Amino acid sequence: MPSTTETVENKPEKPSAGIPDLRNRLPKLQPRRRQPPPSNPLPVPETPNLPSPPDSSALIFQKPTRCILSPHDHELFLSSPTYKLLLAFVFGLTDSVVDTPVSAVRDGDLSPAVAQILEMLEKVEDVVRRSPPEDQGDSRFGNKGFRDFLDLAEKEHSEWHKELGVSPKEAILEVSTYFLQSFGNRTRIDYGSGHELNFMLWLLCLYQLQIVKTSDFRPLVLRVFTRYLRLMRLIQSTYYLEPAGSHGVWGLDDYQFLPFLFGASQLLHHPFIRPLSIHQNLILEEYGNDYLYLGQVNFVNSVKNVEGLRWHSPMLDDISSAKSWEKVEGGMRRMFVAEVLKKLPVMQHFLFGSLVPAMEGMSEEEHLGVPSEEDDLEGGEIVVMKDGMKHVHQMNSWGDCCGIKVPSSIAAAQEMKKRMGGGGDGLRRIPFD
């Protein structure tokens, strides 16, 4: 039998009447754990299967026109086979250059069609040299000599397309519309990512006509598209083309987008070049010619009047913090879908013909009395129906609806070099506004 003393010691103490019992109310301490980063709700768009080219003998060729003039038209497009065709083509080109530098494609790897396309771009450069810019003082806005360049290219391109194998005459009219639109807008003297997309549509038409094959995809990116980029830099520096949108469609670059998509694919599993490497000038200079992403960043740096990506290209600066090129490439795919194909102000300039067909039920320019892309008056506007109301879209911008005209960044860089005697970069003013 336990003693009285043991009974008192084993008995739990009761809290005094004025002190609450908190032993069962205090939360238990848990070890601190790092929260996972928020996941992107949008899945990375996959590459659809690329359909076989159509039977060209059954096609009725026509001059491409705009058909996306209302939200309903846009919805029809996003559910159409043409939407999937475009995704399959652009992402198929992207997949073809995974882990592949530009130097991997040699002259002996080029098919006759690809070699002929490169010859066409050489002829376009010759047209630029035969169409000098007008003297307009030190203006940094678009030079009207660009219209002379387009007029001369329009006179000569038919023979180029015949040599490429495009026929009959009606097919040349359809295909060449995309070709001429890929250099910029004649009326507004501007250029943007949408015009770059027209170059992709021109190549897609050549695929639809079976002039280029899927086996040509890698050379189309690493030889043809890189040659197109060099040509556009010459055109921009010659005619001071304004950016089609106040900050570029995606905020990556005033003019281009696809070098970042294709370039991220090239670097997908690179052993030592990381997204953060774009801040290292030595990497940009040594590998810029082999990798489109690095080359475009290098070019952007060269034409901006301030030093540092964080100042002139904050989105590129943000993207450089990604842990891998897989993240970057996936983000570029999402951007292509969300910021181009799903944006009405961008897609209302998209052109449809027999090779890139519109859906039944979409609007037609001639029925609505809307002028064609080339016939817009300077400073004109287009009326688009949105939510049952007329929405006026200023025609000085491809990417920014009702945007404002801004001078060419390349023009600003060129004029600064002229004032400094053409030599050296000099000191650059840091913006504080």
Protein backbone atom coordinates (compact mmCIF):
# COMPACT_ATOMS: atom_id res chain seq x y z
CA MET A 1 0.00 0.00 0.00
CA PRO A 2 1.55 3.32 -1.11
CA SER A 3 2.37 5.86 1.48
CA THR A 4 0.56 9.18 1.78
CA THR A 5 3.70 10.97 0.61
CA GLU A 6 3.90 8.95 -2.69
CA THR A 7 0.22 9.63 -3.41
CA VAL A 8 0.70 13.36 -3.13
CA GLU A 9 3.82 13.30 -5.41
CA ASN A 10 2.11 11.32 -8.22
CA LYS A 11 -0.99 13.47 -8.26
CA PRO A 12 -0.89 16.08 -11.12
CA GLU A 13 -0.75 19.67 -10.03
CA LYS A 14 -3.88 21.71 -10.61
CA PRO A 15 -3.41 25.21 -11.94
CA SER A 16 -4.43 27.91 -9.60
CA ALA A 17 -7.83 29.44 -10.18
CA GLY A 18 -6.48 32.72 -11.69
CA ILE A 19 -4.03 31.17 -14.26
CA PRO A 20 -5.46 29.53 -17.43
CA ASP A 21 -4.06 26.16 -18.55
CA LEU A 22 -2.20 26.90 -21.82
CA ARG A 23 -0.43 23.56 -22.21
CA ASN A 24 -2.93 22.24 -24.75
CA ARG A 25 -3.60 25.56 -26.47
CA LEU A 26 -0.13 26.56 -27.68
CA PRO A 27 0.60 25.47 -31.28
CA LYS A 28 3.32 22.91 -31.73
CA LEU A 29 6.49 24.19 -33.35
CA GLN A 30 7.08 22.86 -36.86
CA PRO A 31 10.42 22.87 -38.68
CA ARG A 32 10.64 25.67 -41.25
CA ARG A 33 10.32 24.43 -44.84
CA ARG A 34 10.96 26.32 -48.05
CA GLN A 35 7.72 26.88 -49.95
CA PRO A 36 7.76 25.63 -53.55
CA PRO A 37 7.76 28.40 -56.17
CA PRO A 38 4.35 29.18 -57.67
CA SER A 39 3.71 27.03 -60.70
CA ASN A 40 2.73 28.59 -64.02
CA PRO A 41 -0.93 27.79 -64.59
CA LEU A 42 -0.39 27.70 -68.36
CA PRO A 43 1.08 24.42 -69.63
CA VAL A 44 3.94 24.55 -72.10
CA PRO A 45 2.40 24.29 -75.59
CA GLU A 46 3.45 21.10 -77.31
CA THR A 47 4.30 20.72 -80.98
CA PRO A 48 1.26 19.45 -82.89
CA ASN A 49 1.71 16.97 -85.72
CA LEU A 50 2.49 18.80 -88.93
CA PRO A 51 -0.07 17.84 -91.60
CA SER A 52 1.07 16.83 -95.06
CA PRO A 53 1.00 19.56 -97.73
CA PRO A 54 -2.28 19.87 -99.66
CA ASP A 55 -2.77 18.84 -103.27
CA SER A 56 -1.77 22.05 -105.03
CA SER A 57 -3.77 21.15 -108.14
CA ALA A 58 -6.95 21.47 -106.10
CA LEU A 59 -6.07 24.92 -104.72
CA ILE A 60 -7.59 28.16 -106.00
CA PHE A 61 -4.83 30.69 -105.37
CA GLN A 62 -5.80 34.16 -104.16
CA LYS A 63 -4.22 37.28 -102.78
CA PRO A 64 -4.14 36.96 -98.94
CA THR A 65 -6.47 39.28 -97.02
CA ARG A 66 -7.37 40.04 -93.40
CA CYS A 67 -10.23 37.99 -91.97
CA ILE A 68 -9.87 38.51 -88.20
CA LEU A 69 -11.89 41.70 -87.77
CA SER A 70 -13.94 40.81 -84.68
CA PRO A 71 -13.63 38.71 -81.50
CA HIS A 72 -15.86 36.08 -83.16
CA ASP A 73 -13.42 35.83 -86.09
CA HIS A 74 -10.58 35.45 -83.61
CA GLU A 75 -12.35 32.63 -81.76
CA LEU A 76 -12.94 30.83 -85.06
CA PHE A 77 -9.24 31.10 -85.87
CA LEU A 78 -8.13 29.72 -82.49
CA SER A 79 -10.22 26.59 -83.07
CA SER A 80 -9.21 26.18 -86.71
CA PRO A 81 -6.84 23.75 -88.46
CA THR A 82 -4.83 26.79 -89.62
CA TYR A 83 -4.03 27.64 -85.99
CA LYS A 84 -2.69 24.12 -85.42
CA LEU A 85 -0.83 24.23 -88.74
CA LEU A 86 0.97 27.43 -87.74
CA LEU A 87 1.87 26.05 -84.30
CA ALA A 88 3.11 22.80 -85.84
CA PHE A 89 5.30 24.66 -88.34
CA VAL A 90 6.87 27.21 -85.98
CA PHE A 91 7.38 24.74 -83.13
CA GLY A 92 8.61 22.14 -85.62
CA LEU A 93 11.31 24.59 -86.69
CA THR A 94 12.08 25.16 -83.00
CA ASP A 95 12.43 21.42 -82.31
CA SER A 96 14.72 20.97 -85.31
CA VAL A 97 17.51 23.11 -83.81
CA VAL A 98 17.68 21.65 -80.28
CA ASP A 99 21.33 21.75 -79.10
CA THR A 100 22.52 22.79 -82.57
CA PRO A 101 24.82 25.77 -83.26
CA VAL A 102 24.59 27.71 -86.52
CA SER A 103 28.00 26.41 -87.63
CA ALA A 104 26.68 22.83 -87.63
CA VAL A 105 24.92 23.44 -90.96
CA ARG A 106 27.38 23.58 -93.84
CA ASP A 107 26.88 24.59 -97.47
CA GLY A 108 26.85 20.93 -98.51
CA ASP A 109 23.84 20.32 -96.25
CA LEU A 110 21.63 22.75 -98.17
CA SER A 111 18.98 21.53 -100.59
CA PRO A 112 18.63 23.38 -103.95
CA ALA A 113 15.48 25.10 -102.65
CA VAL A 114 17.21 26.42 -99.52
CA ALA A 115 20.18 27.59 -101.59
CA GLN A 116 17.76 29.43 -103.91
CA ILE A 117 16.02 31.11 -100.94
CA LEU A 118 19.40 32.36 -99.72
CA GLU A 119 20.07 33.71 -103.21
CA MET A 120 16.73 35.56 -103.08
CA LEU A 121 17.70 37.26 -99.84
CA GLU A 122 21.00 38.32 -101.43
CA LYS A 123 18.98 39.93 -104.23
CA VAL A 124 16.83 41.76 -101.69
CA GLU A 125 19.99 43.17 -100.13
CA ASP A 126 21.06 44.36 -103.58
CA VAL A 127 17.69 46.16 -103.89
CA VAL A 128 18.41 47.93 -100.59
CA ARG A 129 21.71 49.20 -101.96
CA ARG A 130 19.95 50.46 -105.11
CA SER A 131 17.30 52.31 -103.05
CA PRO A 132 19.13 54.93 -100.95
CA PRO A 133 17.31 56.65 -98.08
CA GLU A 134 16.01 60.19 -98.52
CA ASP A 135 17.76 63.08 -96.82
CA GLN A 136 15.58 63.95 -93.85
CA GLY A 137 18.10 65.62 -91.56
CA ASP A 138 18.67 63.94 -88.24
CA SER A 139 15.12 62.61 -87.92
CA ARG A 140 14.90 59.27 -86.13
CA PHE A 141 11.53 58.32 -87.59
CA GLY A 142 10.98 56.09 -90.62
CA ASN A 143 12.67 57.19 -93.86
CA LYS A 144 10.43 57.39 -96.94
CA GLY A 145 13.16 55.84 -99.05
CA PHE A 146 11.87 52.54 -97.63
CA ARG A 147 8.87 52.84 -99.98
CA ASP A 148 11.21 53.04 -102.97
CA PHE A 149 12.89 49.86 -101.74
CA LEU A 150 9.55 48.01 -101.49
CA ASP A 151 8.40 49.30 -104.88
CA LEU A 152 11.58 48.02 -106.54
CA ALA A 153 11.35 44.67 -104.74
CA GLU A 154 7.76 44.33 -105.90
CA LYS A 155 8.84 44.85 -109.52
CA GLU A 156 11.56 42.20 -109.37
CA HIS A 157 10.29 39.49 -107.02
CA SER A 158 8.19 37.59 -109.60
CA GLU A 159 11.26 36.34 -111.43
CA TRP A 160 12.84 35.32 -108.11
CA HIS A 161 9.78 33.24 -107.21
CA LYS A 162 9.74 31.59 -110.63
CA GLU A 163 13.35 30.54 -110.16
CA LEU A 164 12.35 29.12 -106.78
CA GLY A 165 9.69 26.98 -108.46
CA VAL A 166 6.53 28.89 -107.52
CA SER A 167 3.91 28.77 -110.26
CA PRO A 168 1.45 29.70 -111.72
CA LYS A 169 1.20 33.50 -111.70
CA GLU A 170 -1.67 33.40 -109.18
CA ALA A 171 0.47 31.36 -106.77
CA ILE A 172 3.26 33.94 -107.02
CA LEU A 173 0.76 36.70 -106.16
CA GLU A 174 -0.36 34.81 -103.05
CA VAL A 175 3.06 33.73 -101.79
CA SER A 176 4.80 37.04 -102.53
CA THR A 177 2.30 38.97 -100.39
CA TYR A 178 3.79 37.37 -97.28
CA PHE A 179 7.30 37.85 -98.65
CA LEU A 180 6.90 41.60 -99.18
CA GLN A 181 5.07 42.07 -95.87
CA SER A 182 7.97 40.43 -94.02
CA PHE A 183 10.16 43.52 -94.53
CA GLY A 184 7.80 46.00 -92.84
CA ASN A 185 4.76 48.14 -93.57
CA ARG A 186 5.02 50.48 -96.56
CA THR A 187 2.57 53.07 -95.23
CA ARG A 188 3.67 53.28 -91.62
CA ILE A 189 7.37 52.56 -92.37
CA ASP A 190 7.52 50.33 -89.33
CA TYR A 191 8.57 46.79 -88.53
CA GLY A 192 7.74 44.41 -85.70
CA SER A 193 7.33 40.84 -84.62
CA GLY A 194 4.22 40.48 -86.77
CA HIS A 195 6.20 41.22 -89.92
CA GLU A 196 8.73 38.66 -88.76
CA LEU A 197 5.80 36.23 -88.50
CA ASN A 198 4.99 36.96 -92.15
CA PHE A 199 8.42 35.61 -93.05
CA MET A 200 7.45 32.37 -91.28
CA LEU A 201 4.17 32.34 -93.23
CA TRP A 202 6.13 32.75 -96.47
CA LEU A 203 8.24 29.70 -95.57
CA LEU A 204 5.04 27.86 -94.57
CA CYS A 205 3.60 28.58 -98.02
CA LEU A 206 6.74 27.10 -99.59
CA TYR A 207 6.21 24.01 -97.44
CA GLN A 208 2.56 23.84 -98.53
CA LEU A 209 3.71 23.98 -102.16
CA GLN A 210 6.23 21.18 -101.40
CA ILE A 211 9.17 23.38 -102.39
CA VAL A 212 10.78 22.93 -98.97
CA LYS A 213 10.52 19.71 -96.94
CA THR A 214 10.67 18.83 -93.26
CA SER A 215 14.29 17.75 -93.89
CA ASP A 216 15.03 21.43 -94.64
CA PHE A 217 13.79 22.69 -91.26
CA ARG A 218 17.19 22.94 -89.58
CA PRO A 219 18.79 24.89 -92.48
CA LEU A 220 15.67 27.08 -92.67
CA VAL A 221 16.33 28.26 -89.12
CA LEU A 222 20.12 28.27 -88.95
CA ARG A 223 20.89 29.54 -92.46
CA VAL A 224 17.76 31.15 -93.94
CA PHE A 225 16.36 32.81 -90.82
CA THR A 226 19.78 34.04 -89.68
CA ARG A 227 20.30 35.55 -93.16
CA TYR A 228 16.90 37.22 -92.89
CA LEU A 229 17.92 38.70 -89.52
CA ARG A 230 21.09 40.20 -91.01
CA LEU A 231 19.05 41.60 -93.89
CA MET A 232 16.51 43.18 -91.54
CA ARG A 233 19.27 44.81 -89.50
CA LEU A 234 20.56 46.37 -92.72
CA ILE A 235 17.05 47.55 -93.68
CA GLN A 236 16.43 48.96 -90.20
CA SER A 237 19.73 50.82 -90.13
CA THR A 238 19.19 52.15 -93.67
CA TYR A 239 15.57 53.31 -93.40
CA TYR A 240 15.16 53.80 -89.62
CA LEU A 241 12.04 51.61 -89.48
CA GLU A 242 9.96 52.48 -86.43
CA PRO A 243 9.07 49.69 -84.00
CA ALA A 244 5.51 48.47 -84.65
CA GLY A 245 4.39 48.99 -81.06
CA SER A 246 5.78 51.23 -78.36
CA HIS A 247 7.79 48.48 -76.64
CA GLY A 248 7.64 45.56 -79.07
CA VAL A 249 4.85 43.01 -78.89
CA TRP A 250 6.49 40.96 -76.14
CA GLY A 251 8.65 43.55 -74.43
CA LEU A 252 11.75 41.49 -75.31
CA ASP A 253 12.96 43.47 -78.29
CA ASP A 254 11.62 46.37 -80.35
CA TYR A 255 11.61 44.30 -83.52
CA GLN A 256 12.19 40.54 -83.18
CA PHE A 257 10.87 37.61 -81.13
CA LEU A 258 11.72 34.37 -82.91
CA PRO A 259 15.51 34.59 -82.29
CA PHE A 260 14.70 34.10 -78.60
CA LEU A 261 12.44 31.09 -79.23
CA PHE A 262 14.81 29.39 -81.68
CA GLY A 263 17.84 30.47 -79.68
CA ALA A 264 16.55 29.01 -76.40
CA SER A 265 16.06 25.69 -78.21
CA GLN A 266 19.64 25.82 -79.51
CA LEU A 267 20.93 26.21 -75.95
CA LEU A 268 18.53 23.73 -74.34
CA HIS A 269 21.19 21.43 -72.81
CA HIS A 270 24.35 23.49 -73.23
CA PRO A 271 27.08 22.32 -70.84
CA PHE A 272 28.18 25.76 -69.58
CA ILE A 273 26.19 28.62 -71.16
CA ARG A 274 23.36 29.48 -68.75
CA PRO A 275 20.50 32.01 -69.02
CA LEU A 276 22.52 34.30 -66.72
CA SER A 277 25.40 34.21 -69.23
CA ILE A 278 23.73 36.93 -71.33
CA HIS A 279 25.24 39.46 -68.88
CA GLN A 280 28.79 38.35 -69.81
CA ASN A 281 30.07 40.32 -72.80
CA LEU A 282 32.79 37.74 -73.47
CA ILE A 283 30.17 34.99 -73.89
CA LEU A 284 28.05 37.20 -76.17
CA GLU A 285 31.01 38.07 -78.39
CA GLU A 286 32.44 34.55 -78.58
CA TYR A 287 29.20 32.60 -79.11
CA GLY A 288 26.82 35.23 -80.53
CA ASN A 289 27.33 34.08 -84.12
CA ASP A 290 26.52 30.46 -83.24
CA TYR A 291 23.48 30.97 -81.00
CA LEU A 292 20.56 33.20 -82.01
CA TYR A 293 19.57 34.11 -78.46
CA LEU A 294 23.03 35.42 -77.62
CA GLY A 295 23.40 37.15 -80.97
CA GLN A 296 20.13 39.01 -80.56
CA VAL A 297 20.98 40.13 -77.02
CA ASN A 298 24.33 41.37 -78.32
CA PHE A 299 22.58 43.32 -81.08
CA VAL A 300 20.04 44.83 -78.66
CA ASN A 301 22.90 46.00 -76.43
CA SER A 302 24.63 47.61 -79.41
CA VAL A 303 21.67 49.81 -80.44
CA LYS A 304 20.54 51.05 -77.04
CA ASN A 305 21.70 54.40 -75.71
CA VAL A 306 22.00 53.18 -72.12
CA GLU A 307 24.19 50.46 -70.69
CA GLY A 308 22.71 47.32 -69.16
CA LEU A 309 19.76 45.03 -69.82
CA ARG A 310 18.07 46.06 -66.59
CA TRP A 311 17.63 49.55 -68.03
CA HIS A 312 16.67 48.99 -71.66
CA SER A 313 15.31 45.41 -71.66
CA PRO A 314 13.92 44.58 -68.20
CA MET A 315 12.05 41.48 -69.41
CA LEU A 316 15.22 39.97 -70.85
CA ASP A 317 16.92 40.81 -67.58
CA ASP A 318 14.18 39.03 -65.61
CA ILE A 319 14.30 35.95 -67.86
CA SER A 320 18.05 35.63 -67.31
CA SER A 321 17.35 34.55 -63.71
CA ALA A 322 15.71 31.31 -64.94
CA LYS A 323 17.46 28.17 -63.71
CA SER A 324 17.60 26.43 -67.09
CA TRP A 325 17.09 26.93 -70.81
CA GLU A 326 14.17 24.48 -70.60
CA LYS A 327 12.36 27.10 -68.49
CA VAL A 328 13.22 29.83 -70.97
CA GLU A 329 12.17 27.80 -74.01
CA GLY A 330 8.88 26.81 -72.37
CA GLY A 331 8.21 30.44 -71.50
CA MET A 332 8.88 31.52 -75.09
CA ARG A 333 6.40 28.95 -76.37
CA ARG A 334 3.76 30.22 -73.93
CA MET A 335 4.52 33.79 -75.00
CA PHE A 336 4.13 32.98 -78.70
CA VAL A 337 0.64 31.60 -78.07
CA ALA A 338 -0.58 34.05 -75.43
CA GLU A 339 0.93 37.30 -76.70
CA VAL A 340 0.51 36.83 -80.44
CA LEU A 341 -1.95 34.21 -81.53
CA LYS A 342 -4.43 35.03 -78.76
CA LYS A 343 -4.20 38.83 -79.02
CA LEU A 344 -6.78 40.45 -81.32
CA PRO A 345 -4.81 43.71 -81.93
CA VAL A 346 -1.97 41.56 -83.29
CA MET A 347 -3.99 38.97 -85.17
CA GLN A 348 -6.20 41.48 -86.98
CA HIS A 349 -3.21 41.98 -89.31
CA PHE A 350 -2.91 38.24 -90.06
CA LEU A 351 -3.41 37.40 -93.75
CA PHE A 352 -5.29 34.37 -95.09
CA GLY A 353 -5.22 32.81 -98.56
CA SER A 354 -5.55 29.33 -100.02
CA LEU A 355 -2.28 28.04 -98.50
CA VAL A 356 -3.05 29.55 -95.07
CA PRO A 357 -6.84 29.26 -95.19
CA ALA A 358 -9.43 31.13 -93.15
CA MET A 359 -12.33 29.35 -91.45
CA GLU A 360 -15.79 29.46 -92.97
CA GLY A 361 -17.81 32.24 -91.34
CA MET A 362 -14.90 34.63 -90.80
CA SER A 363 -15.17 38.25 -91.98
CA GLU A 364 -13.92 39.45 -95.36
CA GLU A 365 -12.28 42.81 -96.01
CA GLU A 366 -14.15 43.58 -99.20
CA HIS A 367 -17.57 42.87 -97.67
CA LEU A 368 -16.90 45.20 -94.73
CA GLY A 369 -15.33 47.95 -96.81
CA VAL A 370 -12.03 47.64 -94.93
CA PRO A 371 -8.92 48.65 -96.91
CA SER A 372 -6.24 46.03 -97.42
CA GLU A 373 -3.07 46.03 -95.36
CA GLU A 374 -1.10 47.76 -98.14
CA ASP A 375 -3.83 50.32 -98.96
CA ASP A 376 -4.21 51.84 -95.48
CA LEU A 377 -3.87 55.60 -95.57
CA GLU A 378 -0.93 57.08 -93.69
CA GLY A 379 -2.11 57.79 -90.18
CA GLY A 380 -5.32 55.93 -91.00
CA GLU A 381 -7.33 53.66 -88.76
CA ILE A 382 -9.43 50.51 -88.89
CA VAL A 383 -12.74 49.96 -87.15
CA VAL A 384 -13.07 46.60 -85.38
CA MET A 385 -16.27 45.36 -83.77
CA LYS A 386 -15.68 44.41 -80.15
CA ASP A 387 -18.46 43.49 -77.71
CA GLY A 388 -21.00 44.95 -80.10
CA MET A 389 -19.26 48.33 -80.27
CA LYS A 390 -17.02 49.95 -82.83
CA HIS A 391 -13.42 50.02 -81.68
CA VAL A 392 -11.04 52.29 -83.59
CA HIS A 393 -7.52 50.90 -83.92
CA GLN A 394 -4.82 53.34 -84.97
CA MET A 395 -2.75 51.93 -87.80
CA ASN A 396 0.62 53.15 -86.49
CA SER A 397 1.11 50.11 -84.31
CA TRP A 398 1.19 46.36 -84.79
CA GLY A 399 1.43 45.24 -81.21
CA ASP A 400 -0.01 48.02 -79.10
CA CYS A 401 -3.62 48.85 -79.82
CA CYS A 402 -3.99 52.62 -80.24
CA GLY A 403 -0.28 52.98 -79.50
CA ILE A 404 1.90 55.96 -80.31
CA LYS A 405 4.64 56.32 -82.86
CA VAL A 406 8.13 56.02 -81.40
CA PRO A 407 11.44 56.64 -83.16
CA SER A 408 13.75 53.82 -84.16
CA SER A 409 16.22 52.74 -81.46
CA ILE A 410 18.67 51.90 -84.25
CA ALA A 411 18.27 55.44 -85.59
CA ALA A 412 19.04 56.85 -82.14
CA ALA A 413 22.24 54.81 -81.95
CA GLN A 414 23.28 55.79 -85.48
CA GLU A 415 22.66 59.48 -84.92
CA MET A 416 24.65 59.39 -81.67
CA LYS A 417 27.60 57.82 -83.50
CA LYS A 418 27.39 60.56 -86.15
CA ARG A 419 27.53 63.28 -83.52
CA MET A 420 30.52 61.58 -81.88
CA GLY A 421 32.38 61.42 -85.18
CA GLY A 422 31.56 57.78 -85.82
CA GLY A 423 34.06 56.37 -83.38
CA GLY A 424 33.72 54.65 -80.03
CA ASP A 425 30.75 54.08 -77.84
CA GLY A 426 31.47 56.96 -75.48
CA LEU A 427 29.76 57.44 -72.16
CA ARG A 428 26.10 56.55 -71.97
CA ARG A 429 23.60 58.49 -69.94
CA ILE A 430 21.84 56.46 -67.24
CA PRO A 431 18.09 57.16 -67.29
CA PHE A 432 16.49 58.29 -64.06
CA ASP A 433 12.95 58.86 -65.36
